[in-house]
Amino acid sequence: MTNIELIDRNKLPQHIAIIMDGNGRWAKEKGKLRVFGHKEGVESVRDVLEGAVDLGVPYLTLYTFSTENWKRPKLEVTALMELLVSSIAKETRTMMKNGVRLNAIGNLDELPSKAVKSLKKCMEDTSTNTKCTLTLALSYSARWEITDAVKSIAKAAVEGEVDVNNITETTFAQYLNSYPLPDPELMIRTSGEKRISNYLLWQLAYAELYFTDKLWPDFRRADLYEAVLEFQNRERRFGLTSEQLK
């Protein structure tokens, strides 16, 4: 049996988050410029997204560009922004075909106006799709997101909109940039690195972490299915004992 046939459709992670790492190294291994790896990585995005839709995963979030990535060489950043614009334009038809709604989180004000315009158009065009919500984390960092939430709550408290004594974890989550997305249940990182790199720090509190040595341009839907299978074979206790779960 293939991996997709072994997957229990009744126990799917409802939200999968991915750190797409290794584009630059993949290109370097082939004697190419880093941007070549980023372009090839778009093919992986398409295949993994369609794999998630085929499985029935309702939420997929991709770490597309971090706030730290702005520190990369100017030519690479420019190429990445141009690739973002062109990819969104090209993939809108694919998203419509697969019933995918595009969403974005992060400090989008830092993006070039052309990229923001392309994003907003695609988000508007796909807004009524319901099979899967694809969220791109752009100019994103979890510490920025948490700090921004704290500022918003503080402002609301000063203005009397929030009672400090009534602030709960649920209250805080509602001020996060990612709200109302559900917390990811599975986080995948490619390229062999074993860290979460300032990605969804609050939301990943109880996520299962899956690391693979494959570089992102080599990662395809079959690899997604393998990760989901491992997720389903793990015991998620949330602080309880195995005996309590049984």
Protein backbone atom coordinates (compact mmCIF):
# COMPACT_ATOMS: atom_id res chain seq x y z
CA MET A 1 0.00 0.00 0.00
CA THR A 2 1.13 3.56 -0.65
CA ASN A 3 1.45 6.13 2.14
CA ILE A 4 -1.72 7.94 1.11
CA GLU A 5 -3.66 4.66 1.34
CA LEU A 6 -2.33 4.07 4.86
CA ILE A 7 -3.43 7.49 6.13
CA ASP A 8 -6.50 7.56 8.35
CA ARG A 9 -8.65 10.37 6.94
CA ASN A 10 -10.46 10.61 10.29
CA LYS A 11 -7.26 11.53 12.15
CA LEU A 12 -5.76 14.18 9.88
CA PRO A 13 -3.96 17.19 11.32
CA GLN A 14 -6.36 20.04 10.67
CA HIS A 15 -3.53 22.55 10.28
CA ILE A 16 -0.04 21.85 8.96
CA ALA A 17 2.69 24.49 9.17
CA ILE A 18 5.88 24.16 7.12
CA ILE A 19 9.30 25.80 7.24
CA MET A 20 10.45 25.53 3.63
CA ASP A 21 14.21 25.38 4.17
CA GLY A 22 17.08 24.47 1.86
CA ASN A 23 16.44 26.30 -1.41
CA GLY A 24 19.83 28.00 -1.38
CA ARG A 25 21.76 24.85 -0.51
CA TRP A 26 19.89 22.90 -3.18
CA ALA A 27 20.93 25.44 -5.80
CA LYS A 28 24.53 25.57 -4.54
CA GLU A 29 24.84 21.79 -4.83
CA LYS A 30 23.93 22.15 -8.50
CA GLY A 31 26.29 25.06 -9.13
CA LYS A 32 23.40 27.50 -9.56
CA LEU A 33 22.51 30.87 -8.03
CA ARG A 34 20.37 30.77 -4.87
CA VAL A 35 17.39 32.25 -6.69
CA PHE A 36 17.30 29.14 -8.89
CA GLY A 37 16.56 27.11 -5.77
CA HIS A 38 13.77 29.50 -4.78
CA LYS A 39 12.18 29.12 -8.22
CA GLU A 40 12.34 25.34 -7.97
CA GLY A 41 10.83 25.59 -4.50
CA VAL A 42 7.66 27.02 -6.05
CA GLU A 43 7.13 23.62 -7.72
CA SER A 44 7.26 21.99 -4.29
CA VAL A 45 4.69 24.46 -2.97
CA ARG A 46 2.29 23.58 -5.78
CA ASP A 47 2.70 19.83 -5.34
CA VAL A 48 2.46 19.88 -1.53
CA LEU A 49 -0.58 22.17 -1.65
CA GLU A 50 -2.36 19.83 -4.05
CA GLY A 51 -1.36 16.90 -1.84
CA ALA A 52 -2.87 18.63 1.20
CA VAL A 53 -6.09 19.29 -0.73
CA ASP A 54 -6.24 15.66 -1.87
CA LEU A 55 -5.89 14.51 1.74
CA GLY A 56 -8.49 16.95 3.02
CA VAL A 57 -6.24 19.11 5.21
CA PRO A 58 -8.16 22.37 5.69
CA TYR A 59 -5.26 24.64 6.71
CA LEU A 60 -1.70 24.89 5.39
CA THR A 61 0.70 27.64 6.46
CA LEU A 62 4.08 28.21 4.79
CA TYR A 63 6.97 30.22 6.24
CA THR A 64 7.65 32.13 3.04
CA PHE A 65 9.77 35.12 4.10
CA SER A 66 10.88 36.02 7.61
CA THR A 67 11.73 39.45 8.97
CA GLU A 68 15.31 38.21 9.27
CA ASN A 69 15.36 37.45 5.53
CA TRP A 70 15.42 41.19 4.80
CA LYS A 71 19.10 41.04 5.90
CA ARG A 72 20.02 38.79 2.97
CA PRO A 73 21.90 40.21 -0.06
CA LYS A 74 19.84 42.88 -1.80
CA LEU A 75 19.82 41.06 -5.13
CA GLU A 76 18.42 37.90 -3.52
CA VAL A 77 15.70 39.84 -1.66
CA THR A 78 14.72 41.67 -4.86
CA ALA A 79 14.58 38.39 -6.76
CA LEU A 80 12.46 36.81 -4.01
CA MET A 81 9.95 39.67 -4.08
CA GLU A 82 9.71 39.46 -7.88
CA LEU A 83 9.25 35.68 -7.63
CA LEU A 84 6.51 36.20 -5.05
CA VAL A 85 4.58 38.51 -7.39
CA SER A 86 4.96 36.30 -10.45
CA SER A 87 4.19 33.07 -8.57
CA ILE A 88 0.98 34.41 -7.04
CA ALA A 89 -0.21 35.59 -10.44
CA LYS A 90 0.58 32.22 -12.04
CA GLU A 91 -0.85 30.09 -9.23
CA THR A 92 -4.19 31.87 -8.82
CA ARG A 93 -5.75 29.62 -11.46
CA THR A 94 -4.38 26.52 -9.71
CA MET A 95 -5.82 27.71 -6.39
CA MET A 96 -9.20 28.32 -7.96
CA LYS A 97 -9.15 24.84 -9.53
CA ASN A 98 -8.32 23.22 -6.18
CA GLY A 99 -10.69 25.31 -4.05
CA VAL A 100 -7.87 27.02 -2.16
CA ARG A 101 -8.29 30.35 -0.38
CA LEU A 102 -5.15 32.47 -0.07
CA ASN A 103 -4.36 34.20 3.22
CA ALA A 104 -1.30 36.08 4.50
CA ILE A 105 0.15 36.94 7.91
CA GLY A 106 3.12 39.09 8.89
CA ASN A 107 4.13 42.73 8.69
CA LEU A 108 2.83 43.12 5.15
CA ASP A 109 3.45 46.89 5.22
CA GLU A 110 7.15 46.09 4.75
CA LEU A 111 6.54 44.35 1.41
CA PRO A 112 6.92 46.19 -1.92
CA SER A 113 3.64 47.74 -3.07
CA LYS A 114 3.60 45.49 -6.15
CA ALA A 115 3.76 42.38 -3.96
CA VAL A 116 0.99 43.66 -1.68
CA LYS A 117 -1.20 44.45 -4.68
CA SER A 118 -0.66 40.95 -6.12
CA LEU A 119 -1.41 39.36 -2.75
CA LYS A 120 -4.60 41.31 -2.19
CA LYS A 121 -5.91 40.54 -5.68
CA CYS A 122 -5.35 36.81 -5.27
CA MET A 123 -6.85 36.86 -1.77
CA GLU A 124 -9.92 38.60 -3.14
CA ASP A 125 -10.21 36.26 -6.14
CA THR A 126 -9.98 33.14 -3.95
CA SER A 127 -11.96 34.43 -0.95
CA THR A 128 -14.97 32.15 -1.52
CA ASN A 129 -12.95 28.92 -1.84
CA THR A 130 -13.46 26.48 1.03
CA LYS A 131 -11.39 23.31 0.54
CA CYS A 132 -8.14 24.62 2.02
CA THR A 133 -6.80 27.90 3.41
CA LEU A 134 -3.22 28.49 2.29
CA THR A 135 -1.52 31.07 4.51
CA LEU A 136 1.77 32.66 3.51
CA ALA A 137 3.86 34.00 6.40
CA LEU A 138 5.52 37.04 4.82
CA SER A 139 7.87 39.47 6.54
CA TYR A 140 6.88 37.42 9.55
CA SER A 141 8.44 36.71 12.92
CA ALA A 142 6.70 35.22 15.92
CA ARG A 143 8.33 37.67 18.30
CA TRP A 144 7.06 40.54 16.18
CA GLU A 145 3.58 38.97 16.20
CA ILE A 146 3.58 38.49 19.98
CA THR A 147 4.92 41.99 20.62
CA ASP A 148 2.31 43.46 18.31
CA ALA A 149 -0.43 41.54 20.16
CA VAL A 150 0.82 42.84 23.51
CA LYS A 151 0.74 46.42 22.20
CA SER A 152 -2.82 45.96 20.94
CA ILE A 153 -4.01 44.47 24.24
CA ALA A 154 -2.29 47.25 26.21
CA LYS A 155 -3.97 49.88 24.04
CA ALA A 156 -7.35 48.18 24.47
CA ALA A 157 -6.83 48.04 28.24
CA VAL A 158 -5.95 51.75 28.45
CA GLU A 159 -9.05 52.60 26.43
CA GLY A 160 -11.20 50.48 28.72
CA GLU A 161 -12.07 47.89 26.08
CA VAL A 162 -10.35 45.05 27.97
CA ASP A 163 -10.29 44.27 31.68
CA VAL A 164 -6.73 43.23 32.52
CA ASN A 165 -8.01 40.80 35.15
CA ASN A 166 -10.06 38.98 32.53
CA ILE A 167 -7.24 38.44 29.99
CA THR A 168 -6.85 34.73 29.26
CA GLU A 169 -4.90 32.64 26.76
CA THR A 170 -7.98 32.78 24.53
CA THR A 171 -8.06 36.57 24.78
CA PHE A 172 -4.40 36.82 23.85
CA ALA A 173 -4.77 34.47 20.88
CA GLN A 174 -7.48 36.72 19.47
CA TYR A 175 -4.97 39.56 19.17
CA LEU A 176 -2.43 37.52 17.23
CA ASN A 177 -1.88 38.30 13.56
CA SER A 178 -2.83 34.73 12.66
CA TYR A 179 -6.27 34.85 14.31
CA PRO A 180 -8.69 33.13 13.65
CA LEU A 181 -6.56 30.32 12.20
CA PRO A 182 -6.52 27.21 14.44
CA ASP A 183 -3.19 26.25 15.99
CA PRO A 184 -1.08 23.92 13.82
CA GLU A 185 -1.08 20.29 14.92
CA LEU A 186 1.91 19.34 12.76
CA MET A 187 4.97 21.44 11.92
CA ILE A 188 7.33 20.21 9.20
CA ARG A 189 10.82 21.57 8.58
CA THR A 190 12.95 20.51 5.65
CA SER A 191 16.77 20.57 5.13
CA GLY A 192 17.82 18.77 8.32
CA GLU A 193 17.79 21.82 10.59
CA LYS A 194 16.07 21.11 13.90
CA ARG A 195 14.75 24.43 15.15
CA ILE A 196 11.63 26.51 14.64
CA SER A 197 13.36 29.79 13.78
CA ASN A 198 10.95 32.33 15.26
CA TYR A 199 7.94 30.71 13.59
CA LEU A 200 4.48 30.62 15.22
CA LEU A 201 5.99 30.38 18.72
CA TRP A 202 2.65 30.75 20.51
CA GLN A 203 0.68 28.57 18.09
CA LEU A 204 3.13 25.64 18.04
CA ALA A 205 2.89 25.03 21.80
CA TYR A 206 1.40 21.55 21.35
CA ALA A 207 2.27 20.82 17.72
CA GLU A 208 4.08 17.66 16.70
CA LEU A 209 7.43 18.58 15.13
CA TYR A 210 8.68 16.67 12.10
CA PHE A 211 12.16 17.21 10.67
CA THR A 212 13.44 15.80 7.39
CA ASP A 213 16.85 16.00 5.73
CA LYS A 214 15.27 16.64 2.33
CA LEU A 215 15.88 20.11 0.93
CA TRP A 216 12.67 21.96 0.11
CA PRO A 217 12.95 21.74 -3.72
CA ASP A 218 13.07 17.93 -3.36
CA PHE A 219 10.07 17.78 -1.00
CA ARG A 220 6.87 16.57 -2.66
CA ARG A 221 3.40 15.33 -1.70
CA ALA A 222 4.73 11.82 -1.00
CA ASP A 223 6.95 13.37 1.68
CA LEU A 224 3.95 15.23 3.08
CA TYR A 225 2.07 11.93 3.33
CA GLU A 226 5.03 10.36 5.16
CA ALA A 227 4.99 13.20 7.69
CA VAL A 228 1.23 12.84 8.23
CA LEU A 229 1.62 9.09 8.76
CA GLU A 230 4.25 9.69 11.44
CA PHE A 231 1.94 12.27 13.04
CA GLN A 232 -0.82 9.69 13.22
CA ASN A 233 1.51 7.16 14.84
CA ARG A 234 2.48 9.52 17.67
CA GLU A 235 0.71 9.61 21.02
CA ARG A 236 -0.47 13.15 21.77
CA ARG A 237 -0.94 13.35 25.55
CA PHE A 238 -1.27 17.11 26.26
CA GLY A 239 0.10 16.60 29.78
CA LEU A 240 -1.91 13.44 30.52
CA THR A 241 -0.56 9.92 30.93
CA SER A 242 -0.96 7.15 28.38
CA GLU A 243 -3.28 5.35 30.80
CA GLN A 244 -5.55 8.38 31.04
CA LEU A 245 -5.85 8.58 27.28
CA LYS A 246 -6.91 4.94 27.11
